[in-house]
Protein backbone atom coordinates (compact mmCIF):
# COMPACT_ATOMS: atom_id res chain seq x y z
CA GLU A 1 -132.24 120.94 -61.56
CA HIS A 2 -131.43 124.64 -61.31
CA ASP A 3 -134.10 127.24 -60.55
CA ASN A 4 -132.03 130.24 -61.66
CA GLU A 5 -134.85 132.72 -61.09
CA ASN A 6 -135.14 131.88 -57.39
CA ASN A 7 -131.57 130.72 -56.86
CA GLN A 8 -132.80 127.27 -55.77
CA LEU A 9 -131.62 123.75 -56.42
CA ILE A 10 -134.35 121.18 -56.95
CA PHE A 11 -133.37 117.48 -56.99
CA ASN A 12 -135.71 115.19 -58.85
CA LYS A 13 -134.69 111.98 -57.12
CA LEU A 14 -136.30 111.55 -53.70
CA ASN A 15 -133.42 109.63 -52.17
CA GLU A 16 -131.09 112.48 -53.01
CA THR A 17 -133.22 115.11 -51.30
CA ILE A 18 -134.16 113.49 -47.99
CA ILE A 19 -132.23 115.05 -45.13
CA HIS A 20 -132.76 113.34 -41.78
CA LEU A 21 -132.80 115.90 -38.94
CA GLN A 22 -132.92 115.29 -35.22
CA LYS A 23 -136.07 116.02 -33.25
CA ARG A 24 -136.08 119.59 -32.15
CA CYS A 25 -137.56 121.60 -29.37
CA SER A 26 -138.22 125.28 -29.63
CA ASP A 27 -135.37 126.14 -27.31
CA ILE A 28 -132.72 123.86 -28.86
CA ASP A 29 -130.74 124.81 -31.95
CA LEU A 30 -130.00 122.10 -34.44
CA PRO A 31 -126.42 121.55 -35.52
CA ILE A 32 -125.48 122.77 -38.97
CA TYR A 33 -126.10 120.02 -41.49
CA SER A 34 -123.15 119.19 -43.70
CA SER A 35 -123.21 117.09 -46.83
CA LYS A 36 -121.12 116.59 -49.93
CA ILE A 37 -123.41 116.81 -52.93
CA LEU A 38 -121.90 117.10 -56.41
CA ILE A 39 -123.63 119.81 -58.44
CA ASP A 40 -122.46 120.42 -61.98
CA GLU A 41 -121.87 123.98 -63.23
CA LEU A 42 -122.93 125.80 -60.07
CA SER A 43 -121.90 129.45 -60.02
CA LEU A 44 -120.02 130.45 -56.90
CA PHE A 45 -121.07 134.09 -57.23
CA HIS A 46 -124.69 133.67 -56.07
CA GLU A 47 -126.57 132.42 -53.00
CA TRP A 48 -128.11 129.02 -53.59
CA TYR A 49 -130.76 127.19 -51.58
CA LEU A 50 -131.45 123.48 -51.35
CA LYS A 51 -135.19 122.92 -51.48
CA GLY A 52 -136.21 119.91 -49.38
CA LEU A 53 -139.45 118.24 -48.28
CA ASP A 54 -140.32 117.19 -44.74
CA PHE A 55 -141.16 113.50 -45.04
CA LYS A 56 -143.34 112.22 -42.17
CA GLN A 57 -145.02 108.87 -42.00
CA ASN A 58 -144.69 108.36 -45.72
CA LYS A 59 -146.30 111.72 -46.41
CA LEU A 60 -144.74 114.81 -47.87
CA GLU A 61 -145.58 117.78 -45.74
CA GLU A 62 -143.82 121.12 -45.40
CA ILE A 63 -141.24 122.45 -47.84
CA TYR A 64 -138.01 123.86 -46.43
CA SER A 65 -135.24 125.85 -48.09
CA PHE A 66 -131.66 125.51 -46.86
CA LEU A 67 -129.00 128.09 -47.66
CA LEU A 68 -125.96 126.37 -49.14
CA THR A 69 -122.72 127.57 -47.58
CA ASN A 70 -119.07 126.67 -48.01
CA ILE A 71 -119.62 125.51 -51.56
CA GLU A 72 -116.39 123.90 -52.69
CA LYS A 73 -115.29 123.60 -56.26
CA GLN A 74 -114.31 120.03 -57.17
CA ASN A 75 -111.19 120.04 -59.25
CA LYS A 76 -110.17 117.35 -61.67
CA LYS A 77 -106.55 116.44 -61.33
CA PHE A 78 -104.51 114.60 -63.86
CA VAL A 79 -100.92 113.76 -64.51
CA HIS A 80 -99.32 112.79 -67.76
CA ARG A 81 -95.95 111.87 -69.10
CA ASP A 82 -94.67 113.32 -72.33
CA PHE A 83 -93.04 111.27 -75.03
CA HIS A 84 -89.41 110.41 -74.53
CA CYS A 85 -88.53 110.01 -78.21
CA ARG A 86 -89.94 111.80 -81.21
CA ASN A 87 -92.15 109.60 -83.40
CA LEU A 88 -91.56 106.55 -81.20
CA LEU A 89 -94.15 104.78 -79.07
CA ILE A 90 -92.64 104.17 -75.65
CA GLN A 91 -94.46 101.80 -73.33
CA ASP A 92 -94.32 103.97 -70.22
CA ASP A 93 -95.62 107.12 -71.88
CA GLN A 94 -99.13 107.48 -70.55
CA ILE A 95 -101.71 109.73 -68.98
CA CYS A 96 -103.39 108.99 -65.69
CA LEU A 97 -106.46 110.68 -64.27
CA ILE A 98 -106.33 110.72 -60.48
CA ASP A 99 -108.18 112.05 -57.46
CA PHE A 100 -111.43 112.40 -59.35
CA GLN A 101 -113.49 109.59 -57.85
CA ASP A 102 -114.56 111.67 -54.84
CA ALA A 103 -116.52 113.97 -57.09
CA LEU A 104 -118.40 111.31 -59.06
CA ILE A 105 -120.72 108.42 -58.37
CA GLY A 106 -119.12 105.11 -59.33
CA PRO A 107 -118.48 103.07 -61.21
CA ILE A 108 -116.58 105.52 -63.39
CA THR A 109 -115.41 104.94 -66.97
CA TYR A 110 -112.78 106.76 -68.99
CA ASP A 111 -112.72 107.06 -72.78
CA ILE A 112 -109.96 108.61 -74.85
CA GLY A 113 -111.68 107.75 -78.10
CA SER A 114 -110.95 104.04 -78.30
CA GLY A 115 -113.77 102.88 -76.02
CA ALA A 116 -114.64 103.16 -72.34
CA GLN A 117 -112.39 101.56 -69.74
CA ALA A 118 -112.41 101.29 -65.96
CA THR A 119 -109.13 103.11 -65.30
CA GLY A 120 -107.78 106.48 -66.28
CA SER A 121 -104.43 105.17 -67.48
CA PHE A 122 -103.71 105.23 -71.20
CA THR A 123 -100.51 103.95 -72.80
CA GLY A 124 -99.06 103.69 -76.29
CA LEU A 125 -100.06 107.25 -77.16
CA ALA A 126 -98.49 109.23 -79.96
CA ALA A 127 -97.74 112.89 -79.41
CA GLY A 128 -100.76 115.15 -79.84
CA GLY A 129 -103.90 116.41 -78.20
CA TYR A 130 -106.50 114.11 -76.63
CA THR A 131 -109.80 114.47 -74.84
CA VAL A 132 -110.65 111.99 -72.08
CA THR A 133 -114.38 111.71 -71.39
CA ILE A 134 -115.21 110.66 -67.83
CA THR A 135 -118.63 109.15 -67.16
CA ASP A 136 -120.12 108.14 -63.82
CA ALA A 137 -122.93 105.72 -63.01
CA ASN A 138 -125.57 108.40 -63.49
CA GLY A 139 -124.36 109.23 -66.97
CA CYS A 140 -122.78 112.50 -65.82
CA THR A 141 -119.78 113.32 -67.97
CA ASP A 142 -116.86 115.65 -68.03
CA ASP A 143 -114.00 116.09 -70.48
CA VAL A 144 -110.34 116.46 -69.65
CA PRO A 145 -108.03 117.78 -72.37
CA VAL A 146 -104.59 116.20 -72.39
CA THR A 147 -101.59 117.05 -74.53
CA ILE A 148 -98.74 114.59 -75.01
CA ALA A 149 -95.56 116.41 -76.04
CA GLU A 150 -92.43 115.05 -77.65
CA PRO A 151 -88.88 116.39 -77.84
CA THR A 152 -87.29 117.51 -81.06
CA PRO A 153 -85.54 114.72 -82.99
CA VAL A 154 -82.03 113.70 -82.02
CA VAL A 155 -79.75 114.91 -84.82
CA GLY A 156 -76.11 113.97 -85.26
CA ALA A 157 -73.53 115.83 -87.31
CA LEU A 158 -69.98 115.16 -88.48
CA ASP A 159 -68.04 118.26 -87.44
CA ALA A 160 -64.59 117.23 -88.63
CA ALA A 161 -62.75 114.24 -90.08
CA THR A 162 -58.99 113.84 -90.40
CA ASP A 163 -57.64 111.25 -92.80
CA ALA A 164 -54.83 108.90 -91.84
CA ASP A 165 -51.37 110.44 -92.36
CA CYS A 166 -49.81 107.43 -93.98
CA ASN A 167 -51.04 104.37 -95.76
CA ALA A 168 -52.06 101.63 -93.28
CA ALA A 169 -51.51 103.97 -90.31
CA ALA A 170 -54.17 104.34 -87.57
CA THR A 171 -53.83 108.11 -87.27
CA GLY A 172 -57.24 109.26 -88.48
CA ALA A 173 -59.68 111.20 -86.30
CA ALA A 174 -63.30 112.35 -86.28
CA THR A 175 -65.46 114.71 -84.24
CA VAL A 176 -69.22 114.13 -84.05
CA SER A 177 -71.83 116.26 -82.26
CA ALA A 178 -75.51 115.87 -81.36
CA SER A 179 -78.46 118.19 -80.87
CA GLY A 180 -82.17 117.86 -80.10
CA GLY A 181 -83.65 115.09 -77.99
CA THR A 182 -82.69 115.19 -74.33
CA SER A 183 -79.09 115.66 -73.25
CA PRO A 184 -76.68 114.26 -72.20
CA TYR A 185 -75.68 112.15 -75.19
CA SER A 186 -73.45 109.12 -75.58
CA PHE A 187 -71.37 108.33 -78.68
CA ASP A 188 -70.21 104.89 -79.80
CA ILE A 189 -68.05 104.15 -82.85
CA GLY A 190 -67.92 100.46 -82.03
CA SER A 191 -65.54 100.41 -79.10
CA GLY A 192 -68.13 101.28 -76.44
CA PRO A 193 -70.11 104.41 -75.50
CA GLN A 194 -68.34 107.58 -74.44
CA ALA A 195 -69.44 111.03 -73.33
CA THR A 196 -67.80 112.96 -76.18
CA GLY A 197 -67.92 112.68 -79.95
CA ASP A 198 -64.13 112.86 -80.35
CA PHE A 199 -62.49 109.75 -81.82
CA THR A 200 -58.78 109.30 -82.57
CA GLY A 201 -56.45 106.51 -83.65
CA LEU A 202 -58.65 105.56 -86.59
CA ALA A 203 -57.40 103.55 -89.54
CA ALA A 204 -58.78 104.18 -92.99
CA GLY A 205 -62.30 102.84 -93.46
CA SER A 206 -66.01 103.48 -93.01
CA TYR A 207 -67.47 103.90 -89.53
CA THR A 208 -70.89 104.51 -87.97
CA VAL A 209 -71.13 106.58 -84.81
CA ASN A 210 -74.26 105.60 -82.89
CA ILE A 211 -75.70 108.35 -80.68
CA LEU A 212 -78.15 107.94 -77.79
CA ASP A 213 -79.74 110.74 -75.81
CA ALA A 214 -80.76 110.57 -72.15
CA ASN A 215 -83.98 108.74 -73.09
CA ASN A 216 -82.16 106.24 -75.34
CA CYS A 217 -83.52 107.87 -78.48
CA PRO A 218 -81.09 106.93 -81.27
CA THR A 219 -79.50 108.45 -84.32
CA SER A 220 -76.30 107.71 -86.20
CA VAL A 221 -73.63 109.52 -88.21
CA PRO A 222 -71.52 107.89 -90.96
CA VAL A 223 -67.81 108.65 -90.94
CA VAL A 224 -65.27 107.87 -93.66
CA ILE A 225 -61.53 108.01 -92.98
CA ALA A 226 -59.32 108.02 -96.05
CA GLU A 227 -55.59 107.33 -96.45
CA PRO A 228 -52.97 108.28 -99.04
CA ASP A 229 -51.50 105.81 -101.47
CA VAL A 230 -48.44 103.89 -100.41
CA LEU A 231 -45.28 106.02 -100.56
CA VAL A 232 -42.76 104.32 -102.87
CA ILE A 233 -39.25 105.43 -103.82
CA GLY A 234 -37.63 104.17 -107.02
CA GLN A 235 -34.24 104.35 -108.75
CA ASP A 236 -34.28 106.21 -112.07
CA ALA A 237 -30.62 106.42 -113.17
CA VAL A 238 -27.07 105.70 -111.93
CA THR A 239 -23.76 107.08 -113.19
CA ASP A 240 -20.79 105.11 -111.91
CA ALA A 241 -17.62 106.78 -110.68
CA THR A 242 -14.40 106.44 -112.67
CA CYS A 243 -10.80 106.04 -111.71
CA GLY A 244 -11.58 106.20 -108.04
CA ASP A 245 -12.86 109.74 -108.31
CA ALA A 246 -15.97 111.17 -106.66
CA ASN A 247 -17.77 111.68 -109.92
CA GLY A 248 -20.62 109.21 -109.61
CA ALA A 249 -24.29 110.21 -109.54
CA PHE A 250 -27.80 108.82 -109.36
CA THR A 251 -31.42 110.00 -109.50
CA VAL A 252 -34.37 108.65 -107.53
CA SER A 253 -38.05 109.63 -107.51
CA ALA A 254 -41.11 108.95 -105.37
CA THR A 255 -44.83 108.29 -105.87
CA GLY A 256 -47.79 108.04 -103.51
CA GLY A 257 -47.92 109.53 -100.06
CA THR A 258 -48.46 113.27 -99.83
CA THR A 259 -46.32 115.76 -101.72
CA PRO A 260 -43.93 117.49 -101.45
CA TYR A 261 -41.12 115.03 -100.86
CA THR A 262 -37.60 115.36 -99.49
CA PHE A 263 -34.69 113.00 -100.20
CA ASP A 264 -31.73 112.28 -97.93
CA ILE A 265 -28.62 110.09 -98.28
CA GLY A 266 -27.28 111.14 -94.88
CA SER A 267 -26.04 114.61 -95.65
CA GLY A 268 -29.36 116.36 -95.03
CA PRO A 269 -32.71 116.45 -96.80
CA GLN A 270 -33.13 118.06 -100.20
CA ALA A 271 -36.06 118.63 -102.54
CA SER A 272 -34.47 116.89 -105.51
CA GLY A 273 -33.86 113.20 -105.90
CA THR A 274 -30.60 113.76 -107.84
CA PHE A 275 -27.29 113.28 -106.06
CA SER A 276 -23.90 113.88 -107.73
CA THR A 277 -20.13 114.02 -107.06
CA LEU A 278 -20.36 110.73 -105.28
CA PRO A 279 -17.58 108.19 -104.95
CA ALA A 280 -18.25 104.55 -105.54
CA GLY A 281 -20.30 102.89 -102.83
CA SER A 282 -23.79 101.96 -101.61
CA TYR A 283 -26.14 104.73 -100.54
CA ASN A 284 -29.32 104.42 -98.48
CA VAL A 285 -31.81 106.99 -99.75
CA THR A 286 -34.78 107.96 -97.58
CA VAL A 287 -37.77 109.76 -99.04
CA THR A 288 -40.06 111.64 -96.65
CA ASP A 289 -43.43 113.05 -97.66
CA ALA A 290 -45.39 116.00 -96.25
CA ASN A 291 -46.88 113.80 -93.49
CA ASN A 292 -43.49 112.37 -92.48
CA CYS A 293 -44.25 109.04 -94.09
CA THR A 294 -41.01 107.43 -95.31
CA ASP A 295 -39.63 104.85 -97.70
CA ASP A 296 -36.06 103.72 -98.37
CA ILE A 297 -33.99 102.40 -101.25
CA VAL A 298 -30.33 101.37 -101.58
CA VAL A 299 -28.47 102.71 -104.64
CA THR A 300 -25.01 101.39 -105.57
CA ILE A 301 -22.40 103.35 -107.50
CA ASP A 302 -19.59 101.27 -108.97
CA ASP A 303 -16.02 102.48 -109.70
CA LEU A 304 -14.98 102.03 -113.31
CA PHE A 305 -11.22 101.96 -114.03
CA GLU A 306 -9.84 103.03 -117.44
CA VAL A 307 -8.26 100.12 -119.30
CA ILE A 308 -4.75 100.94 -120.70
């Protein structure tokens, strides 16, 4: 116990206070006695004396006071691992109390709130604050506060999506990014993980980009690639030539694809699907939409001769 008034330490247990000294003569100095005795809450800013009893032939005789010097503070050391993934219990996330046994009398138990155990390792912990109570064989206790942290959630975002240019063409693209968690990230649209969120050569359809951070914490981003309707050219009207003259004509139109369209029979593209002053013959008409998707049709102009 502490005698604060006289700056003395008094131990109640006899076996803790007996100090065996060598026989001494008046002209021989004794060596300095050194011992490691754990004393809880001892101020280092005062002089303290250990009060002992000279025990001779099973009798307590003189009382001696020993000045305590080189008092060392016993530090508790602990290590802990933070959570790898937010809101996920990872098996290797744990706290371990180490290098504490030298300051306590064993056996030692550790309790984080779920019951005492023989080791200072705790697993399966959610993020938050904990207090580990350490108890030795004499019932002496100490508390160690521990905080388990967790990273921010991994968040994915669709930055851009480009639809396919033409119907049934694999020309779509998407760009996905990630934040939070622990970088670097990997991105997988189904063809294997890659370091960037840029994907090209995509046909129309629905995709899921799976993202993993450096700790394998997951998230995903849905991606939809659209496509235009099929580009189709059709014949609307034909005027046959007469008497071998170049006075035939026809009109074609287009649907689907992406407007505007251009039409070409070989003499250069034009915005209109009407062609005139044509002699009799077969004409291949190509329609091209705004994305350079094309379709073709063959139009035939006959030559009508006047009957006399």
